[in-house]
Amino acid sequence: MDIEVRKLELTDYNSLKEAMIQAYDNWQTAYWKEHHIKKLIDIFPEGQLCVTVDGKVAGCALSLILDYEMLGTAHSYAEATGGYSFDTHNPAGNVLYGIEVFVNPEFRNMRVGRRLYEARKALCENLNLSRIVAGGRIPNYHKYIDTLTPKQYIQAVKNKEIHDPVLSFQLANDFHVMKILTGYMPGDKESKDYATLIEWNNVYFESVRHAHVKKKNNVKIGLVQWQMRSLKNLEELFDQMEFFVDVVSGYKCDFILFPELFNAPLMSATNNLSEAESIRDLAKYTTLILDKFATMAVEYNVNIITGSMPFVENDSLLNVGYLCHRNGGTERYEKLHITPNEKKYWGIKGGNGLKVFETDCAKIGILICYDVEFPELGRLLADEGMEILFVPFLTDTQNAFTRVKHCAMARAIENECFVAIAGSVGNLPKVKNMDIQYAQSAVFTPGDFSFPTNGIKSEATPNAETVLIVDLDLDLLKHLHSNGSVTNMKDRRLDLYSLNKSS
């Protein structure tokens, strides 16, 4: 048996007509005439699709491209097709409008309809159209007209309390109902002249007016697993920073992530002071380090996420980091949740800033260490379109690291995003409250077929200084959001609960 999905040709018409007559046995005169098919093929050949089985047409999908703003939502089938003249077809339009899908009952056990829908979705993506729109019949509605309104009927079909051969199939193929149309196709006695306006959104659509800022689909990131070592002065720290930036730049990375408080070795010079006094002294270097990073971001053409550093603001000690864009801009992020240890020994206070950062290749979020253990933060960032969550961390024991690791993995699953974590290793015998470090830097993924089965894209050797280079395909996230085995973001019960960021 030979099954093929291809463009419809005029030579298929006799076989097509036979299939239409079988599909519309209640509408014997409703099949498309040869001149209709010829016109459609002439004006939009790639939009007319068929499935053949051993050369015989088993099903067909016919489409136009329309300027949807010109058409509007309250339209009829005749208006959409230009009174069957198809003069409404506009190659410069923004939606793929489905004017026909049918399957010969002889082949309904061969997923012909699904093949046609998938081919139509691929066409929409290839043509960079924003969505597929169509008016859908509800042919079983006549059985319930005395007991259900059209709205109640559609909801019952959604709840699978009623099966409708058209609407049930459309919902199963990721279409959703935008509104109810009246008088859409006069004479449709089964649907009682009602129809649903259905829509499938193309998640890969790129607006032409935004083409100049089109983001990359593949993003390469470098994670620095930093070795804590004694440093004599700031210049030695700069040398070590630049070494890693140079390395990841050589691999053409888009981002480099440093760990939390990676500059702690500089506190060895003030080890005679109390912990609180020593870290406040360390804060005097933060602006200098930021300036160095900002310069390197431009020179090495890589977006630098600086981990974190202590910073004094209005006499309050904060734990902050910076996103240094490779175009020269800088933005600050803050640690929001402070561990009991940080409060007790250092007197650090929590910041208030939480946002998604727009970069030249992805929308990113940044949470410092303990913050990733609070799921609300990741979800708020995901609601703003975050694709990659970066987590600079500092953990002393394997127990502490395990908390960060497993919470980061959970954030990747529940928010349908990539999560990258980077920490420090080694020890600092001459720095109070920074004796030992444990880390295994890694990148985590959602849990679905397109990703590793264990949710780990890549991970470094534990407790060894290294750089982890990882390629990320952002298109996988777009597909997951709409077509994943589970769709966590879409399936939230927002009628039952909500999450809001304080102003």
Protein backbone atom coordinates (compact mmCIF):
# COMPACT_ATOMS: atom_id res chain seq x y z
CA MET A 1 0.00 0.00 0.00
CA ASP A 2 1.35 3.42 -1.01
CA ILE A 3 0.18 6.44 1.04
CA GLU A 4 1.31 9.89 -0.09
CA VAL A 5 0.64 13.44 1.09
CA ARG A 6 1.14 15.91 -1.77
CA LYS A 7 -0.17 18.91 -3.66
CA LEU A 8 -3.44 18.36 -5.45
CA GLU A 9 -3.28 18.36 -9.24
CA LEU A 10 -6.06 18.94 -11.74
CA THR A 11 -5.55 15.44 -13.12
CA ASP A 12 -6.76 14.17 -9.71
CA TYR A 13 -10.20 15.66 -10.23
CA ASN A 14 -12.15 12.51 -11.13
CA SER A 15 -10.75 10.65 -8.14
CA LEU A 16 -11.33 13.76 -5.99
CA LYS A 17 -14.96 13.99 -7.11
CA GLU A 18 -15.57 10.35 -6.18
CA ALA A 19 -14.08 10.97 -2.73
CA MET A 20 -16.24 14.08 -2.21
CA ILE A 21 -19.42 12.27 -3.17
CA GLN A 22 -18.61 9.52 -0.64
CA ALA A 23 -17.69 12.06 2.07
CA TYR A 24 -20.82 14.18 1.60
CA ASP A 25 -23.44 11.52 1.03
CA ASN A 26 -26.02 13.81 2.66
CA TRP A 27 -25.04 16.69 0.36
CA GLN A 28 -25.07 15.01 -3.03
CA THR A 29 -24.73 18.23 -5.03
CA ALA A 30 -22.27 19.96 -2.71
CA TYR A 31 -19.05 18.73 -4.22
CA TRP A 32 -16.52 21.11 -5.79
CA LYS A 33 -16.73 21.53 -9.54
CA GLU A 34 -13.68 21.17 -11.75
CA HIS A 35 -13.43 24.90 -12.46
CA HIS A 36 -13.29 25.59 -8.71
CA ILE A 37 -10.37 23.23 -8.26
CA LYS A 38 -8.60 24.62 -11.32
CA LYS A 39 -8.91 28.18 -9.96
CA LEU A 40 -7.55 27.16 -6.55
CA ILE A 41 -4.60 25.34 -8.09
CA ASP A 42 -3.87 28.29 -10.35
CA ILE A 43 -3.81 30.92 -7.61
CA PHE A 44 -2.38 28.92 -4.70
CA PRO A 45 -1.05 25.50 -5.76
CA GLU A 46 0.83 24.73 -2.52
CA GLY A 47 -2.33 25.36 -0.48
CA GLN A 48 -4.32 22.55 -2.10
CA LEU A 49 -3.33 19.25 -0.48
CA CYS A 50 -4.43 15.67 -0.83
CA VAL A 51 -3.68 12.24 0.55
CA THR A 52 -3.62 9.42 -1.95
CA VAL A 53 -3.73 5.70 -1.24
CA ASP A 54 -2.40 3.64 -4.13
CA GLY A 55 -2.97 6.66 -6.36
CA LYS A 56 -6.58 7.19 -5.30
CA VAL A 57 -7.58 10.42 -3.52
CA ALA A 58 -8.51 9.50 0.06
CA GLY A 59 -8.88 13.02 1.44
CA CYS A 60 -8.31 16.65 0.59
CA ALA A 61 -7.62 20.02 2.25
CA LEU A 62 -8.19 23.26 0.35
CA SER A 63 -6.92 26.65 1.58
CA LEU A 64 -6.52 30.32 0.81
CA ILE A 65 -4.30 33.04 2.27
CA LEU A 66 -6.38 35.91 3.61
CA ASP A 67 -5.77 39.30 5.18
CA TYR A 68 -7.63 38.46 8.36
CA GLU A 69 -8.01 42.05 9.55
CA MET A 70 -9.86 42.85 6.33
CA LEU A 71 -12.14 39.82 6.72
CA GLY A 72 -12.96 40.18 10.43
CA THR A 73 -14.34 37.50 12.73
CA ALA A 74 -18.05 37.93 11.96
CA HIS A 75 -18.02 36.59 8.43
CA SER A 76 -19.74 33.93 6.37
CA TYR A 77 -18.28 31.19 4.21
CA ALA A 78 -19.31 33.10 1.11
CA GLU A 79 -17.48 36.19 2.34
CA ALA A 80 -14.34 34.20 3.10
CA THR A 81 -14.28 32.65 -0.37
CA GLY A 82 -15.46 35.72 -2.30
CA GLY A 83 -18.67 33.99 -3.29
CA TYR A 84 -16.64 30.95 -4.42
CA SER A 85 -14.62 33.14 -6.76
CA PHE A 86 -11.59 32.92 -4.38
CA ASP A 87 -10.78 36.54 -5.17
CA THR A 88 -10.22 37.00 -1.44
CA HIS A 89 -6.92 35.11 -1.76
CA ASN A 90 -4.07 37.48 -0.92
CA PRO A 91 -0.48 36.17 -1.11
CA ALA A 92 0.52 39.04 1.20
CA GLY A 93 -2.08 38.05 3.80
CA ASN A 94 -1.35 36.80 7.32
CA VAL A 95 -3.51 33.71 7.86
CA LEU A 96 -4.03 30.37 6.17
CA TYR A 97 -7.79 30.01 5.83
CA GLY A 98 -9.12 26.50 5.51
CA ILE A 99 -12.06 26.29 3.13
CA GLU A 100 -12.35 22.50 2.97
CA VAL A 101 -11.23 19.29 4.59
CA PHE A 102 -12.83 15.96 3.86
CA VAL A 103 -11.98 12.27 4.01
CA ASN A 104 -13.49 9.46 1.98
CA PRO A 105 -15.13 7.14 4.58
CA GLU A 106 -13.44 4.22 2.85
CA PHE A 107 -10.10 5.42 4.28
CA ARG A 108 -11.10 6.77 7.69
CA ASN A 109 -9.08 4.17 9.58
CA MET A 110 -5.82 5.37 8.04
CA ARG A 111 -5.37 8.74 9.82
CA VAL A 112 -5.96 10.60 6.56
CA GLY A 113 -7.46 13.59 8.35
CA ARG A 114 -4.54 13.86 10.73
CA ARG A 115 -2.08 13.70 7.82
CA LEU A 116 -3.90 16.55 6.11
CA TYR A 117 -3.94 18.67 9.27
CA GLU A 118 -0.23 18.12 9.87
CA ALA A 119 0.56 19.01 6.26
CA ARG A 120 -1.52 22.17 6.55
CA LYS A 121 0.30 23.15 9.79
CA ALA A 122 3.66 22.61 8.08
CA LEU A 123 2.52 24.81 5.20
CA CYS A 124 1.50 27.56 7.62
CA GLU A 125 4.92 27.41 9.29
CA ASN A 126 6.81 27.33 5.98
CA LEU A 127 4.91 30.37 4.68
CA ASN A 128 5.42 32.19 8.02
CA LEU A 129 1.69 32.81 8.47
CA SER A 130 0.47 33.67 11.95
CA ARG A 131 -2.21 30.97 12.19
CA ILE A 132 -4.73 28.70 10.53
CA VAL A 133 -8.34 29.85 10.71
CA ALA A 134 -11.45 28.08 9.49
CA GLY A 135 -15.17 27.87 9.98
CA GLY A 136 -16.09 24.45 11.28
CA ARG A 137 -19.41 22.67 10.95
CA ILE A 138 -21.00 21.06 14.03
CA PRO A 139 -22.97 18.34 12.23
CA ASN A 140 -24.31 16.59 15.33
CA TYR A 141 -25.84 19.72 16.78
CA HIS A 142 -29.26 19.00 15.25
CA LYS A 143 -29.58 16.09 17.70
CA TYR A 144 -29.29 18.44 20.70
CA ILE A 145 -30.90 21.68 19.51
CA ASP A 146 -33.91 21.21 21.80
CA THR A 147 -31.77 20.83 24.94
CA LEU A 148 -28.51 22.73 24.37
CA THR A 149 -27.56 26.16 23.09
CA PRO A 150 -24.63 26.21 20.62
CA LYS A 151 -22.36 27.40 23.43
CA GLN A 152 -23.45 24.57 25.71
CA TYR A 153 -23.04 22.06 22.90
CA ILE A 154 -19.48 23.20 22.15
CA GLN A 155 -18.56 23.00 25.84
CA ALA A 156 -20.01 19.49 26.06
CA VAL A 157 -17.89 18.46 23.06
CA LYS A 158 -14.82 19.96 24.74
CA ASN A 159 -15.62 17.98 27.88
CA LYS A 160 -16.00 14.84 25.73
CA GLU A 161 -19.57 14.43 26.93
CA ILE A 162 -20.71 14.59 23.29
CA HIS A 163 -18.84 13.50 20.17
CA ASP A 164 -19.03 15.71 17.09
CA PRO A 165 -17.26 14.22 14.05
CA VAL A 166 -15.87 17.62 12.99
CA LEU A 167 -15.34 19.63 16.16
CA SER A 168 -14.00 16.72 18.22
CA PHE A 169 -11.38 16.05 15.55
CA GLN A 170 -10.41 19.72 15.33
CA LEU A 171 -9.95 20.00 19.10
CA ALA A 172 -7.84 16.84 19.10
CA ASN A 173 -5.56 18.52 16.55
CA ASP A 174 -4.78 21.54 18.74
CA PHE A 175 -7.37 23.92 17.33
CA HIS A 176 -9.43 26.04 19.70
CA VAL A 177 -12.79 27.74 19.27
CA MET A 178 -12.65 31.54 19.01
CA LYS A 179 -16.38 32.22 18.61
CA ILE A 180 -19.70 30.91 17.33
CA LEU A 181 -20.74 31.99 13.84
CA THR A 182 -24.36 32.27 12.76
CA GLY A 183 -25.44 31.99 9.16
CA TYR A 184 -21.96 30.84 8.22
CA MET A 185 -23.10 28.29 5.69
CA PRO A 186 -26.84 28.67 5.00
CA GLY A 187 -28.49 25.36 4.27
CA ASP A 188 -26.37 23.34 6.70
CA LYS A 189 -29.35 21.62 8.30
CA GLU A 190 -27.22 19.34 10.47
CA SER A 191 -25.40 22.30 12.05
CA LYS A 192 -28.58 24.38 12.07
CA ASP A 193 -26.67 27.13 10.26
CA TYR A 194 -24.21 27.47 13.14
CA ALA A 195 -20.47 27.03 12.89
CA THR A 196 -17.38 27.44 15.04
CA LEU A 197 -14.60 29.83 14.14
CA ILE A 198 -11.54 27.76 14.95
CA GLU A 199 -7.88 28.73 15.15
CA TRP A 200 -4.44 27.09 15.35
CA ASN A 201 -1.58 29.43 16.25
CA ASN A 202 1.80 29.11 14.54
CA VAL A 203 4.30 29.36 17.41
CA TYR A 204 7.14 29.80 14.90
CA PHE A 205 5.60 32.89 13.30
CA GLU A 206 7.98 35.85 12.99
CA SER A 207 6.46 39.25 12.34
CA VAL A 208 8.06 40.90 9.32
CA ARG A 209 8.33 44.21 11.15
CA HIS A 210 10.43 42.44 13.79
CA ALA A 211 12.67 40.66 11.31
CA HIS A 212 15.63 42.89 12.18
CA VAL A 213 15.56 41.57 15.76
CA LYS A 214 14.78 37.95 14.91
CA LYS A 215 16.34 35.74 17.53
CA LYS A 216 18.48 32.69 16.93
CA ASN A 217 16.89 29.27 17.14
CA ASN A 218 20.09 27.65 18.40
CA VAL A 219 21.87 29.19 21.36
CA LYS A 220 25.26 28.12 22.70
CA ILE A 221 26.06 28.68 26.37
CA GLY A 222 29.22 28.26 28.43
CA LEU A 223 29.10 27.52 32.18
CA VAL A 224 32.15 28.26 34.31
CA GLN A 225 32.76 25.76 37.10
CA TRP A 226 35.10 28.07 39.01
CA GLN A 227 37.94 26.87 41.20
CA MET A 228 38.20 28.79 44.46
CA ARG A 229 41.91 29.55 44.87
CA SER A 230 44.05 32.06 46.70
CA LEU A 231 44.48 35.32 44.79
CA LYS A 232 46.99 38.03 45.59
CA ASN A 233 45.06 40.94 44.11
CA LEU A 234 42.30 42.11 41.78
CA GLU A 235 44.50 41.76 38.69
CA GLU A 236 44.83 38.02 39.30
CA LEU A 237 41.06 37.77 39.51
CA PHE A 238 40.75 39.67 36.22
CA ASP A 239 43.23 37.28 34.57
CA GLN A 240 41.17 34.28 35.65
CA MET A 241 37.90 35.90 34.53
CA GLU A 242 39.34 36.76 31.13
CA PHE A 243 40.74 33.27 30.67
CA PHE A 244 37.26 31.77 30.86
CA VAL A 245 35.64 34.48 28.72
CA ASP A 246 38.31 33.90 26.10
CA VAL A 247 37.68 30.13 26.18
CA VAL A 248 33.91 30.33 25.65
CA SER A 249 34.32 33.05 23.04
CA GLY A 250 36.56 30.66 21.12
CA TYR A 251 33.63 28.25 21.00
CA LYS A 252 31.37 31.08 19.74
CA CYS A 253 29.12 30.96 22.79
CA ASP A 254 26.23 33.38 23.11
CA PHE A 255 26.28 33.37 26.92
CA ILE A 256 28.79 32.70 29.68
CA LEU A 257 27.62 32.12 33.26
CA PHE A 258 29.85 32.65 36.31
CA PRO A 259 28.98 31.30 39.80
CA GLU A 260 27.65 33.09 42.85
CA LEU A 261 30.27 35.04 44.87
CA PHE A 262 33.07 33.78 42.62
CA ASN A 263 35.21 36.73 43.77
CA ALA A 264 35.28 35.51 47.40
CA PRO A 265 39.03 34.68 47.26
CA LEU A 266 39.70 38.42 47.53
CA MET A 267 38.42 38.26 51.13
CA SER A 268 41.59 36.47 52.21
CA ALA A 269 43.24 39.88 52.58
CA THR A 270 40.68 40.84 55.26
CA ASN A 271 40.40 37.52 57.06
CA ASN A 272 41.38 39.27 60.29
CA LEU A 273 38.04 41.11 60.23
CA SER A 274 34.65 39.69 61.12
CA GLU A 275 32.71 37.92 58.40
CA ALA A 276 30.34 40.89 58.02
CA GLU A 277 33.17 43.40 57.82
CA SER A 278 35.16 41.29 55.37
CA ILE A 279 32.34 40.87 52.85
CA ARG A 280 31.47 44.57 53.02
CA ASP A 281 35.09 45.26 52.17
CA LEU A 282 34.78 42.86 49.24
CA ALA A 283 31.87 44.97 47.95
CA LYS A 284 34.28 47.80 47.10
CA TYR A 285 35.50 45.74 44.11
CA THR A 286 32.06 45.10 42.58
CA THR A 287 31.89 48.17 40.35
CA LEU A 288 35.44 47.58 39.11
CA ILE A 289 34.64 43.96 38.30
CA LEU A 290 31.44 45.00 36.53
CA ASP A 291 33.38 47.46 34.36
CA LYS A 292 35.85 44.72 33.43
CA PHE A 293 33.06 42.30 32.51
CA ALA A 294 31.22 44.93 30.46
CA THR A 295 34.37 45.61 28.45
CA MET A 296 35.02 41.91 27.87
CA ALA A 297 31.42 41.31 26.74
CA VAL A 298 31.97 43.69 23.84
CA GLU A 299 35.54 42.67 23.07
CA TYR A 300 34.82 38.91 23.11
CA ASN A 301 31.29 39.18 21.63
CA VAL A 302 29.54 37.18 24.34
CA ASN A 303 26.74 38.02 26.77
CA ILE A 304 28.19 37.69 30.26
CA ILE A 305 26.15 36.72 33.32
CA THR A 306 28.48 37.76 36.11
CA GLY A 307 27.36 35.33 38.79
CA SER A 308 26.96 37.47 41.88
CA MET A 309 28.92 39.87 44.07
CA PRO A 310 28.23 41.79 47.31
CA PHE A 311 27.01 45.34 46.81
CA VAL A 312 26.28 48.08 49.35
CA GLU A 313 23.30 50.31 48.58
CA ASN A 314 21.88 52.80 51.08
CA ASP A 315 24.00 51.06 53.73
CA SER A 316 22.23 47.72 53.01
CA LEU A 317 24.33 44.79 51.84
CA LEU A 318 22.84 43.02 48.79
CA ASN A 319 23.89 40.02 46.73
CA VAL A 320 23.68 41.17 43.10
CA GLY A 321 24.84 40.25 39.63
CA TYR A 322 24.84 41.80 36.19
CA LEU A 323 23.92 40.85 32.66
CA CYS A 324 26.55 42.43 30.41
CA HIS A 325 25.18 42.47 26.88
CA ARG A 326 27.66 42.11 24.06
CA ASN A 327 26.31 45.35 22.58
CA GLY A 328 27.64 47.24 25.62
CA GLY A 329 24.53 47.50 27.82
CA THR A 330 24.33 46.25 31.42
CA GLU A 331 21.39 45.24 33.62
CA ARG A 332 21.27 44.23 37.28
CA TYR A 333 19.58 41.30 39.00
CA GLU A 334 19.37 40.63 42.73
CA LYS A 335 19.18 37.68 45.10
CA LEU A 336 15.70 37.84 46.59
CA HIS A 337 15.77 35.08 49.20
CA ILE A 338 18.65 35.11 51.68
CA THR A 339 19.75 31.95 53.46
CA PRO A 340 19.95 31.83 57.26
CA ASN A 341 23.76 31.60 56.96
CA GLU A 342 23.98 34.75 54.81
CA LYS A 343 21.83 36.67 57.27
CA LYS A 344 23.66 35.45 60.37
CA TYR A 345 27.28 35.89 59.30
CA TRP A 346 27.15 38.55 56.58
CA GLY A 347 23.98 40.52 57.21
CA ILE A 348 22.86 40.34 53.59
CA LYS A 349 19.34 41.55 52.77
CA GLY A 350 17.08 40.39 49.98
CA GLY A 351 16.60 42.50 46.88
CA ASN A 352 13.34 43.24 45.09
CA GLY A 353 14.06 43.03 41.35
CA LEU A 354 12.59 40.20 39.28
CA LYS A 355 12.32 40.41 35.49
CA VAL A 356 12.91 38.66 32.20
CA PHE A 357 15.84 40.04 30.23
CA GLU A 358 15.58 40.53 26.48
CA THR A 359 18.82 39.55 24.75
CA ASP A 360 19.90 39.24 21.13
CA CYS A 361 19.19 35.51 21.08
CA ALA A 362 16.77 34.53 23.86
CA LYS A 363 14.53 35.72 26.67
CA ILE A 364 16.31 34.79 29.88
CA GLY A 365 15.72 34.79 33.61
CA ILE A 366 18.40 34.80 36.32
CA LEU A 367 17.91 33.51 39.86
CA ILE A 368 20.76 33.36 42.37
CA CYS A 369 21.18 30.02 44.17
CA TYR A 370 18.56 29.83 46.98
CA ASP A 371 16.03 31.67 44.81
CA VAL A 372 15.65 28.64 42.54
CA GLU A 373 14.20 26.73 45.50
CA PHE A 374 11.12 28.98 45.40
CA PRO A 375 8.94 27.81 42.48
CA GLU A 376 6.90 31.01 42.33
CA LEU A 377 9.83 32.97 40.91
CA GLY A 378 10.40 30.64 37.97
CA ARG A 379 6.71 30.61 37.13
CA LEU A 380 6.49 34.42 37.17
CA LEU A 381 9.44 34.56 34.78
CA ALA A 382 7.92 31.86 32.57
CA ASP A 383 4.72 33.91 32.34
CA GLU A 384 6.86 36.68 30.83
CA GLY A 385 8.23 34.37 28.13
CA MET A 386 11.49 33.13 29.68
CA GLU A 387 13.25 30.51 27.54
CA ILE A 388 16.46 29.96 29.53
CA LEU A 389 16.83 30.28 33.30
CA PHE A 390 20.40 30.87 34.50
CA VAL A 391 21.25 30.01 38.11
CA PRO A 392 24.64 31.01 39.54
CA PHE A 393 25.04 29.17 42.84
CA LEU A 394 27.41 28.55 45.75
CA THR A 395 27.02 25.41 47.85
CA ASP A 396 29.38 24.01 50.43
CA THR A 397 28.15 20.41 50.78
CA GLN A 398 26.64 17.80 48.51
CA ASN A 399 23.37 18.07 50.47
CA ALA A 400 23.14 21.78 49.67
CA PHE A 401 24.00 21.16 46.02
CA THR A 402 21.32 18.48 45.77
CA ARG A 403 18.68 21.00 46.83
CA VAL A 404 19.76 23.41 44.10
CA LYS A 405 20.04 20.68 41.46
CA HIS A 406 16.66 19.07 42.00
CA CYS A 407 14.82 22.37 42.34
CA ALA A 408 16.45 23.56 39.11
CA MET A 409 15.33 20.37 37.36
CA ALA A 410 11.79 20.93 38.62
CA ARG A 411 11.81 24.51 37.30
CA ALA A 412 12.75 23.20 33.84
CA ILE A 413 9.84 20.76 33.78
CA GLU A 414 7.11 22.92 35.23
CA ASN A 415 8.04 26.04 33.24
CA GLU A 416 8.93 24.31 29.95
CA CYS A 417 12.33 25.98 29.71
CA PHE A 418 16.04 25.24 29.85
CA VAL A 419 17.78 25.77 33.21
CA ALA A 420 21.56 26.26 33.45
CA ILE A 421 23.36 26.17 36.80
CA ALA A 422 27.01 27.02 37.51
CA GLY A 423 28.87 26.80 40.83
CA SER A 424 32.30 26.88 42.42
CA VAL A 425 34.53 24.05 43.60
CA GLY A 426 37.56 23.70 45.85
CA ASN A 427 38.29 25.43 49.16
CA LEU A 428 39.42 28.71 50.68
CA PRO A 429 41.30 27.99 53.92
CA LYS A 430 41.96 31.68 54.62
CA VAL A 431 38.42 33.00 54.19
CA LYS A 432 35.93 32.71 57.03
CA ASN A 433 32.53 31.19 56.21
CA MET A 434 33.82 30.09 52.77
CA ASP A 435 35.79 27.00 53.71
CA ILE A 436 34.63 24.39 51.18
CA GLN A 437 32.59 24.28 47.99
CA TYR A 438 30.82 21.51 46.08
CA ALA A 439 29.39 21.84 42.56
CA GLN A 440 28.42 20.03 39.40
CA SER A 441 27.39 22.57 36.81
CA ALA A 442 24.69 21.40 34.40
CA VAL A 443 21.91 22.21 31.96
CA PHE A 444 18.46 20.74 32.58
CA THR A 445 15.57 20.31 30.16
CA PRO A 446 11.83 19.71 30.22
CA GLY A 447 10.77 16.07 30.35
CA ASP A 448 9.45 15.06 26.94
CA PHE A 449 10.41 13.06 23.87
CA SER A 450 12.47 15.84 22.28
CA PHE A 451 14.74 16.02 25.32
CA PRO A 452 17.02 13.58 27.21
CA THR A 453 15.07 10.98 29.17
CA ASN A 454 16.70 12.01 32.45
CA GLY A 455 16.14 15.73 31.88
CA ILE A 456 19.88 16.46 31.84
CA LYS A 457 21.16 18.03 28.64
CA SER A 458 24.75 18.06 29.88
CA GLU A 459 26.66 18.17 33.15
CA ALA A 460 30.23 18.79 34.23
CA THR A 461 32.52 16.52 36.20
CA PRO A 462 31.75 17.17 39.87
CA ASN A 463 34.24 19.19 41.91
CA ALA A 464 36.68 19.88 39.06
CA GLU A 465 37.44 23.22 37.48
CA THR A 466 36.11 23.20 33.95
CA VAL A 467 33.89 24.88 31.36
CA LEU A 468 30.70 23.21 30.16
CA ILE A 469 29.68 24.14 26.59
CA VAL A 470 26.10 23.31 25.61
CA ASP A 471 23.97 23.91 22.48
CA LEU A 472 20.27 24.64 23.07
CA ASP A 473 17.54 24.42 20.43
CA LEU A 474 14.85 26.95 21.34
CA ASP A 475 12.48 25.61 18.67
CA LEU A 476 12.08 22.50 20.82
CA LEU A 477 10.52 24.69 23.50
CA LYS A 478 8.09 26.26 21.04
CA HIS A 479 6.97 22.83 19.90
CA LEU A 480 6.67 21.62 23.50
CA HIS A 481 4.44 24.53 24.51
CA SER A 482 1.83 23.51 21.93
CA ASN A 483 2.36 19.81 21.29
CA GLY A 484 4.08 18.29 24.33
CA SER A 485 2.98 15.03 25.91
CA VAL A 486 1.98 17.28 28.78
CA THR A 487 1.61 21.05 28.57
CA ASN A 488 2.16 22.36 32.07
CA MET A 489 1.89 26.03 31.20
CA LYS A 490 -1.31 25.66 29.17
CA ASP A 491 -3.01 23.26 31.59
CA ARG A 492 -2.86 25.42 34.71
CA ARG A 493 -6.18 25.87 36.50
CA LEU A 494 -6.21 29.65 36.36
CA ASP A 495 -9.90 29.52 37.21
CA LEU A 496 -8.87 28.03 40.57
CA TYR A 497 -5.68 29.87 41.45
CA SER A 498 -3.44 32.69 40.28
CA LEU A 499 0.08 34.03 40.85
CA ASN A 500 0.87 37.72 40.67
CA LYS A 501 4.03 39.77 41.10
CA SER A 502 3.76 42.70 43.50
CA SER A 503 4.08 46.08 41.85
